[in-house]
């Protein structure tokens, strides 16, 4: 199937996606489905081949593509809104590696630190990635993760019913946070955010390959 839903309106596209999924389950046969829509790929695929310029970037299950992308392109392609990317400098102290971003040093968990230390990244600039849903503005999370807290001013507020997208900048890098709809943050407010350090992705700045997920 070569982009079979591309000319349908949004509501019909969702309906047809469900029908194709039912058809696949009923027939139990292999279907090769080509699409530029990562939502279709994630919801319909058992295994996904991500390609760029005719070259295969990664072949994996939808869950692994989302949680353990092989490189910067796959990380940015899977997920909506896409992953946030920032430049960060690695600083190693003993057996802990920290990412220095906008005047903050965020210490990484042992497994992630080990990969950066073994890779010889001390003092080097890397690409730091964090998904919007792993950026929190709740007081409870901020208090629980004091080492990963930073402050910024909200530029745009988007309400999507059950959730809210908040847009702001960290130095020159635009950031999106996907937070609970009960948030009190509004455009112009200066508020604190915390990130989930367990969900940090780090990519090599030159090769764009994943160092650690």
C-alpha atoms as a PDB file:
ATOM      1  CA  UNK A   1       0.000   0.000   0.000  1.00  0.00           C
ATOM      2  CA  UNK A   2       1.540   3.295  -1.105  1.00  0.00           C
ATOM      3  CA  UNK A   3       0.194   6.128   1.085  1.00  0.00           C
ATOM      4  CA  UNK A   4      -3.441   4.934   0.760  1.00  0.00           C
ATOM      5  CA  UNK A   5      -4.842   7.533   3.180  1.00  0.00           C
ATOM      6  CA  UNK A   6      -3.014  10.633   1.937  1.00  0.00           C
ATOM      7  CA  UNK A   7      -6.013  12.195   0.136  1.00  0.00           C
ATOM      8  CA  UNK A   8      -8.563  11.644   2.905  1.00  0.00           C
ATOM      9  CA  UNK A   9      -9.727  14.244   5.418  1.00  0.00           C
ATOM     10  CA  UNK A  10      -8.558  13.927   9.042  1.00  0.00           C
ATOM     11  CA  UNK A  11     -11.660  12.150  10.417  1.00  0.00           C
ATOM     12  CA  UNK A  12     -11.890   9.629   7.572  1.00  0.00           C
ATOM     13  CA  UNK A  13      -8.145   8.977   7.792  1.00  0.00           C
ATOM     14  CA  UNK A  14      -8.510   7.839  11.408  1.00  0.00           C
ATOM     15  CA  UNK A  15     -11.508   5.670  10.518  1.00  0.00           C
ATOM     16  CA  UNK A  16      -9.723   4.023   7.582  1.00  0.00           C
ATOM     17  CA  UNK A  17      -6.620   3.433   9.698  1.00  0.00           C
ATOM     18  CA  UNK A  18      -8.756   1.372  12.085  1.00  0.00           C
ATOM     19  CA  UNK A  19     -10.314  -0.550   9.164  1.00  0.00           C
ATOM     20  CA  UNK A  20      -6.870  -1.396   7.742  1.00  0.00           C
ATOM     21  CA  UNK A  21      -5.716  -2.583  11.180  1.00  0.00           C
ATOM     22  CA  UNK A  22      -8.801  -4.845  11.429  1.00  0.00           C
ATOM     23  CA  UNK A  23      -8.146  -6.174   7.923  1.00  0.00           C
ATOM     24  CA  UNK A  24      -4.546  -6.984   8.786  1.00  0.00           C
ATOM     25  CA  UNK A  25      -5.572  -8.854  11.948  1.00  0.00           C
ATOM     26  CA  UNK A  26      -8.255 -10.815  10.091  1.00  0.00           C
ATOM     27  CA  UNK A  27      -6.089 -11.810   7.122  1.00  0.00           C
ATOM     28  CA  UNK A  28      -2.929 -12.493   9.126  1.00  0.00           C
ATOM     29  CA  UNK A  29      -0.795 -11.782   6.078  1.00  0.00           C
ATOM     30  CA  UNK A  30       2.170  -9.453   5.574  1.00  0.00           C
ATOM     31  CA  UNK A  31       1.312  -5.963   4.366  1.00  0.00           C
ATOM     32  CA  UNK A  32       3.964  -3.500   3.234  1.00  0.00           C
ATOM     33  CA  UNK A  33       2.683  -0.005   3.948  1.00  0.00           C
ATOM     34  CA  UNK A  34       4.471   3.131   2.733  1.00  0.00           C
ATOM     35  CA  UNK A  35       3.772   6.410   4.509  1.00  0.00           C
ATOM     36  CA  UNK A  36       5.284   9.758   5.486  1.00  0.00           C
ATOM     37  CA  UNK A  37       2.883   9.959   8.445  1.00  0.00           C
ATOM     38  CA  UNK A  38       4.627   8.669  11.575  1.00  0.00           C
ATOM     39  CA  UNK A  39       1.248   8.254  13.338  1.00  0.00           C
ATOM     40  CA  UNK A  40       0.139   5.766  10.674  1.00  0.00           C
ATOM     41  CA  UNK A  41       3.466   3.952  10.934  1.00  0.00           C
ATOM     42  CA  UNK A  42       3.332   3.764  14.737  1.00  0.00           C
ATOM     43  CA  UNK A  43      -0.288   2.594  14.925  1.00  0.00           C
ATOM     44  CA  UNK A  44      -0.299   0.140  12.016  1.00  0.00           C
ATOM     45  CA  UNK A  45       3.212  -1.280  11.946  1.00  0.00           C
ATOM     46  CA  UNK A  46       4.554  -4.356  13.738  1.00  0.00           C
ATOM     47  CA  UNK A  47       8.004  -3.532  12.392  1.00  0.00           C
ATOM     48  CA  UNK A  48       8.940  -0.188  10.870  1.00  0.00           C
ATOM     49  CA  UNK A  49      11.702   0.623   8.414  1.00  0.00           C
ATOM     50  CA  UNK A  50      12.713   4.298   8.728  1.00  0.00           C
ATOM     51  CA  UNK A  51      14.367   5.598   5.555  1.00  0.00           C
ATOM     52  CA  UNK A  52      16.097   8.858   4.675  1.00  0.00           C
ATOM     53  CA  UNK A  53      17.344   9.679   1.167  1.00  0.00           C
ATOM     54  CA  UNK A  54      16.861   6.038   0.184  1.00  0.00           C
ATOM     55  CA  UNK A  55      19.045   4.752   3.043  1.00  0.00           C
ATOM     56  CA  UNK A  56      17.645   2.619   5.887  1.00  0.00           C
ATOM     57  CA  UNK A  57      18.219   4.345   9.234  1.00  0.00           C
ATOM     58  CA  UNK A  58      16.662   1.793  11.570  1.00  0.00           C
ATOM     59  CA  UNK A  59      14.435  -1.294  11.475  1.00  0.00           C
ATOM     60  CA  UNK A  60      12.603  -1.963  14.721  1.00  0.00           C
ATOM     61  CA  UNK A  61       9.298  -2.206  16.576  1.00  0.00           C
ATOM     62  CA  UNK A  62       7.307   1.031  17.010  1.00  0.00           C
ATOM     63  CA  UNK A  63       8.083   1.080  20.749  1.00  0.00           C
ATOM     64  CA  UNK A  64      11.843   0.683  20.272  1.00  0.00           C
ATOM     65  CA  UNK A  65      11.936   3.328  17.536  1.00  0.00           C
ATOM     66  CA  UNK A  66      10.289   5.739  19.939  1.00  0.00           C
ATOM     67  CA  UNK A  67      12.274   4.870  23.068  1.00  0.00           C
ATOM     68  CA  UNK A  68      15.634   3.882  21.559  1.00  0.00           C
ATOM     69  CA  UNK A  69      16.181   5.744  18.270  1.00  0.00           C
ATOM     70  CA  UNK A  70      19.447   4.849  16.518  1.00  0.00           C
ATOM     71  CA  UNK A  71      20.240   8.395  15.463  1.00  0.00           C
ATOM     72  CA  UNK A  72      19.127  12.023  15.462  1.00  0.00           C
ATOM     73  CA  UNK A  73      16.921  11.653  12.362  1.00  0.00           C
ATOM     74  CA  UNK A  74      14.896   8.743  13.768  1.00  0.00           C
ATOM     75  CA  UNK A  75      14.551  10.521  17.132  1.00  0.00           C
ATOM     76  CA  UNK A  76      13.158  13.637  15.452  1.00  0.00           C
ATOM     77  CA  UNK A  77      10.944  11.719  13.010  1.00  0.00           C
ATOM     78  CA  UNK A  78       9.135   9.534  15.565  1.00  0.00           C
ATOM     79  CA  UNK A  79       6.829  11.354  17.961  1.00  0.00           C
ATOM     80  CA  UNK A  80       4.608  14.422  17.789  1.00  0.00           C
ATOM     81  CA  UNK A  81       5.477  17.071  18.799  1.00  0.00           C
ATOM     82  CA  UNK A  82       8.994  16.058  17.880  1.00  0.00           C
ATOM     83  CA  UNK A  83      11.831  15.628  20.350  1.00  0.00           C
ATOM     84  CA  UNK A  84      13.533  18.769  21.658  1.00  0.00           C
ATOM     85  CA  UNK A  85      17.199  19.103  20.673  1.00  0.00           C
ATOM     86  CA  UNK A  86      19.806  21.310  22.355  1.00  0.00           C
ATOM     87  CA  UNK A  87      23.582  21.621  22.326  1.00  0.00           C
ATOM     88  CA  UNK A  88      25.191  20.578  25.619  1.00  0.00           C
ATOM     89  CA  UNK A  89      28.746  20.266  26.907  1.00  0.00           C
ATOM     90  CA  UNK A  90      29.760  17.081  28.719  1.00  0.00           C
ATOM     91  CA  UNK A  91      31.518  17.486  32.060  1.00  0.00           C
ATOM     92  CA  UNK A  92      32.837  14.390  33.815  1.00  0.00           C
ATOM     93  CA  UNK A  93      33.390  14.361  37.582  1.00  0.00           C
ATOM     94  CA  UNK A  94      34.536  10.996  38.900  1.00  0.00           C
ATOM     95  CA  UNK A  95      32.123   8.384  37.550  1.00  0.00           C
ATOM     96  CA  UNK A  96      29.321  10.870  36.797  1.00  0.00           C
ATOM     97  CA  UNK A  97      28.818  12.723  33.514  1.00  0.00           C
ATOM     98  CA  UNK A  98      26.781  15.918  33.509  1.00  0.00           C
ATOM     99  CA  UNK A  99      25.322  17.885  30.615  1.00  0.00           C
ATOM    100  CA  UNK A 100      25.876  21.635  30.864  1.00  0.00           C
ATOM    101  CA  UNK A 101      22.974  23.541  29.295  1.00  0.00           C
ATOM    102  CA  UNK A 102      22.104  27.225  29.758  1.00  0.00           C
ATOM    103  CA  UNK A 103      24.143  27.513  32.939  1.00  0.00           C
ATOM    104  CA  UNK A 104      22.735  24.280  34.395  1.00  0.00           C
ATOM    105  CA  UNK A 105      24.656  21.047  34.929  1.00  0.00           C
ATOM    106  CA  UNK A 106      22.325  18.047  34.725  1.00  0.00           C
ATOM    107  CA  UNK A 107      23.957  14.880  36.141  1.00  0.00           C
ATOM    108  CA  UNK A 108      23.104  11.742  34.187  1.00  0.00           C
ATOM    109  CA  UNK A 109      22.162   8.357  35.668  1.00  0.00           C
ATOM    110  CA  UNK A 110      25.031   5.812  36.032  1.00  0.00           C
ATOM    111  CA  UNK A 111      24.280   3.826  32.850  1.00  0.00           C
ATOM    112  CA  UNK A 112      24.117   6.961  30.677  1.00  0.00           C
ATOM    113  CA  UNK A 113      27.183   8.470  32.371  1.00  0.00           C
ATOM    114  CA  UNK A 114      29.178   5.316  31.716  1.00  0.00           C
ATOM    115  CA  UNK A 115      28.576   5.466  27.954  1.00  0.00           C
ATOM    116  CA  UNK A 116      29.659   9.113  27.735  1.00  0.00           C
ATOM    117  CA  UNK A 117      32.765   8.505  29.843  1.00  0.00           C
ATOM    118  CA  UNK A 118      33.771   5.377  27.924  1.00  0.00           C
ATOM    119  CA  UNK A 119      33.204   7.218  24.640  1.00  0.00           C
ATOM    120  CA  UNK A 120      35.649   9.944  25.667  1.00  0.00           C
ATOM    121  CA  UNK A 121      33.105  12.768  25.479  1.00  0.00           C
ATOM    122  CA  UNK A 122      34.404  14.778  28.448  1.00  0.00           C
ATOM    123  CA  UNK A 123      34.561  18.449  27.426  1.00  0.00           C
ATOM    124  CA  UNK A 124      32.887  17.814  24.057  1.00  0.00           C
ATOM    125  CA  UNK A 125      29.662  19.314  22.731  1.00  0.00           C
ATOM    126  CA  UNK A 126      26.892  16.773  22.145  1.00  0.00           C
ATOM    127  CA  UNK A 127      23.244  16.972  21.112  1.00  0.00           C
ATOM    128  CA  UNK A 128      20.895  16.561  24.056  1.00  0.00           C
ATOM    129  CA  UNK A 129      17.392  15.267  23.298  1.00  0.00           C
ATOM    130  CA  UNK A 130      14.274  15.219  25.472  1.00  0.00           C
ATOM    131  CA  UNK A 131      10.696  14.504  24.412  1.00  0.00           C
ATOM    132  CA  UNK A 132       7.978  17.109  25.226  1.00  0.00           C
ATOM    133  CA  UNK A 133       6.156  14.684  27.530  1.00  0.00           C
ATOM    134  CA  UNK A 134       9.315  14.318  29.639  1.00  0.00           C
ATOM    135  CA  UNK A 135       9.380  18.040  30.474  1.00  0.00           C
ATOM    136  CA  UNK A 136       7.273  18.807  33.569  1.00  0.00           C
ATOM    137  CA  UNK A 137       5.953  21.990  35.175  1.00  0.00           C
ATOM    138  CA  UNK A 138       4.279  20.339  38.192  1.00  0.00           C
ATOM    139  CA  UNK A 139       5.531  21.425  41.612  1.00  0.00           C
ATOM    140  CA  UNK A 140       5.783  17.813  42.757  1.00  0.00           C
ATOM    141  CA  UNK A 141       8.159  16.871  39.933  1.00  0.00           C
ATOM    142  CA  UNK A 142      10.217  20.050  40.322  1.00  0.00           C
ATOM    143  CA  UNK A 143      10.763  19.295  44.021  1.00  0.00           C
ATOM    144  CA  UNK A 144      11.667  15.671  43.251  1.00  0.00           C
ATOM    145  CA  UNK A 145      14.243  16.588  40.550  1.00  0.00           C
ATOM    146  CA  UNK A 146      16.015  19.741  41.799  1.00  0.00           C
ATOM    147  CA  UNK A 147      19.130  19.091  39.668  1.00  0.00           C
ATOM    148  CA  UNK A 148      17.206  19.171  36.393  1.00  0.00           C
ATOM    149  CA  UNK A 149      15.197  22.372  37.005  1.00  0.00           C
ATOM    150  CA  UNK A 150      15.459  25.428  34.764  1.00  0.00           C
ATOM    151  CA  UNK A 151      13.409  28.579  34.297  1.00  0.00           C
ATOM    152  CA  UNK A 152      11.992  30.196  31.177  1.00  0.00           C
ATOM    153  CA  UNK A 153       9.232  32.468  29.901  1.00  0.00           C
ATOM    154  CA  UNK A 154       6.246  30.941  28.101  1.00  0.00           C
ATOM    155  CA  UNK A 155       5.890  32.198  24.524  1.00  0.00           C
ATOM    156  CA  UNK A 156       2.916  30.174  23.261  1.00  0.00           C
ATOM    157  CA  UNK A 157       0.168  28.194  25.020  1.00  0.00           C
ATOM    158  CA  UNK A 158      -1.834  25.593  23.063  1.00  0.00           C
ATOM    159  CA  UNK A 159      -4.783  23.821  24.696  1.00  0.00           C
ATOM    160  CA  UNK A 160      -5.663  20.450  23.168  1.00  0.00           C
ATOM    161  CA  UNK A 161      -8.347  19.448  25.631  1.00  0.00           C
ATOM    162  CA  UNK A 162      -6.702  16.776  27.786  1.00  0.00           C
ATOM    163  CA  UNK A 163      -3.229  18.289  27.456  1.00  0.00           C
ATOM    164  CA  UNK A 164      -1.406  21.539  26.822  1.00  0.00           C
ATOM    165  CA  UNK A 165       1.632  22.322  24.692  1.00  0.00           C
ATOM    166  CA  UNK A 166       3.861  25.050  26.135  1.00  0.00           C
ATOM    167  CA  UNK A 167       6.504  26.673  23.916  1.00  0.00           C
ATOM    168  CA  UNK A 168       9.503  28.538  25.306  1.00  0.00           C
ATOM    169  CA  UNK A 169      13.233  29.011  24.733  1.00  0.00           C
ATOM    170  CA  UNK A 170      16.260  27.729  26.599  1.00  0.00           C
ATOM    171  CA  UNK A 171      19.048  30.034  25.459  1.00  0.00           C
ATOM    172  CA  UNK A 172      18.648  30.025  21.642  1.00  0.00           C
ATOM    173  CA  UNK A 173      16.964  26.618  21.513  1.00  0.00           C
ATOM    174  CA  UNK A 174      13.144  26.361  21.168  1.00  0.00           C
ATOM    175  CA  UNK A 175      11.551  23.889  23.580  1.00  0.00           C
ATOM    176  CA  UNK A 176       8.110  22.264  23.649  1.00  0.00           C
ATOM    177  CA  UNK A 177       6.596  20.833  26.848  1.00  0.00           C
ATOM    178  CA  UNK A 178       3.571  18.569  26.818  1.00  0.00           C
ATOM    179  CA  UNK A 179       1.880  19.093  30.190  1.00  0.00           C
ATOM    180  CA  UNK A 180      -1.400  18.471  31.989  1.00  0.00           C
ATOM    181  CA  UNK A 181      -4.317  20.716  30.970  1.00  0.00           C
ATOM    182  CA  UNK A 182      -4.623  21.866  34.601  1.00  0.00           C
ATOM    183  CA  UNK A 183      -1.415  23.889  34.262  1.00  0.00           C
ATOM    184  CA  UNK A 184      -1.706  27.537  35.265  1.00  0.00           C
ATOM    185  CA  UNK A 185       1.110  28.640  32.916  1.00  0.00           C
ATOM    186  CA  UNK A 186       0.178  31.250  30.313  1.00  0.00           C
ATOM    187  CA  UNK A 187       2.115  33.292  27.711  1.00  0.00           C
ATOM    188  CA  UNK A 188       4.427  35.795  29.384  1.00  0.00           C
ATOM    189  CA  UNK A 189       4.685  33.793  32.620  1.00  0.00           C
ATOM    190  CA  UNK A 190       8.153  32.951  33.889  1.00  0.00           C
ATOM    191  CA  UNK A 191       7.924  29.442  35.317  1.00  0.00           C
ATOM    192  CA  UNK A 192      10.127  26.534  36.349  1.00  0.00           C
ATOM    193  CA  UNK A 193      10.424  23.234  34.496  1.00  0.00           C
ATOM    194  CA  UNK A 194      12.046  19.914  35.345  1.00  0.00           C
ATOM    195  CA  UNK A 195      13.098  17.153  32.981  1.00  0.00           C
ATOM    196  CA  UNK A 196      13.099  13.394  33.503  1.00  0.00           C
ATOM    197  CA  UNK A 197      16.823  12.535  33.470  1.00  0.00           C
ATOM    198  CA  UNK A 198      16.035   8.854  32.873  1.00  0.00           C
ATOM    199  CA  UNK A 199      14.480   9.809  29.514  1.00  0.00           C
ATOM    200  CA  UNK A 200      17.398  11.918  28.236  1.00  0.00           C
ATOM    201  CA  UNK A 201      18.826  10.985  24.815  1.00  0.00           C
ATOM    202  CA  UNK A 202      22.366  11.978  23.857  1.00  0.00           C
ATOM    203  CA  UNK A 203      23.648  12.073  20.275  1.00  0.00           C
ATOM    204  CA  UNK A 204      27.101  12.551  18.775  1.00  0.00           C
ATOM    205  CA  UNK A 205      27.279  16.072  17.351  1.00  0.00           C
ATOM    206  CA  UNK A 206      29.254  15.043  14.247  1.00  0.00           C
ATOM    207  CA  UNK A 207      27.926  11.589  13.303  1.00  0.00           C
ATOM    208  CA  UNK A 208      24.389  12.209  14.718  1.00  0.00           C
ATOM    209  CA  UNK A 209      24.425   8.618  16.027  1.00  0.00           C
ATOM    210  CA  UNK A 210      22.981   7.801  19.427  1.00  0.00           C
ATOM    211  CA  UNK A 211      25.434   7.675  22.330  1.00  0.00           C
ATOM    212  CA  UNK A 212      22.861   6.745  24.943  1.00  0.00           C
ATOM    213  CA  UNK A 213      19.077   6.527  25.250  1.00  0.00           C
END
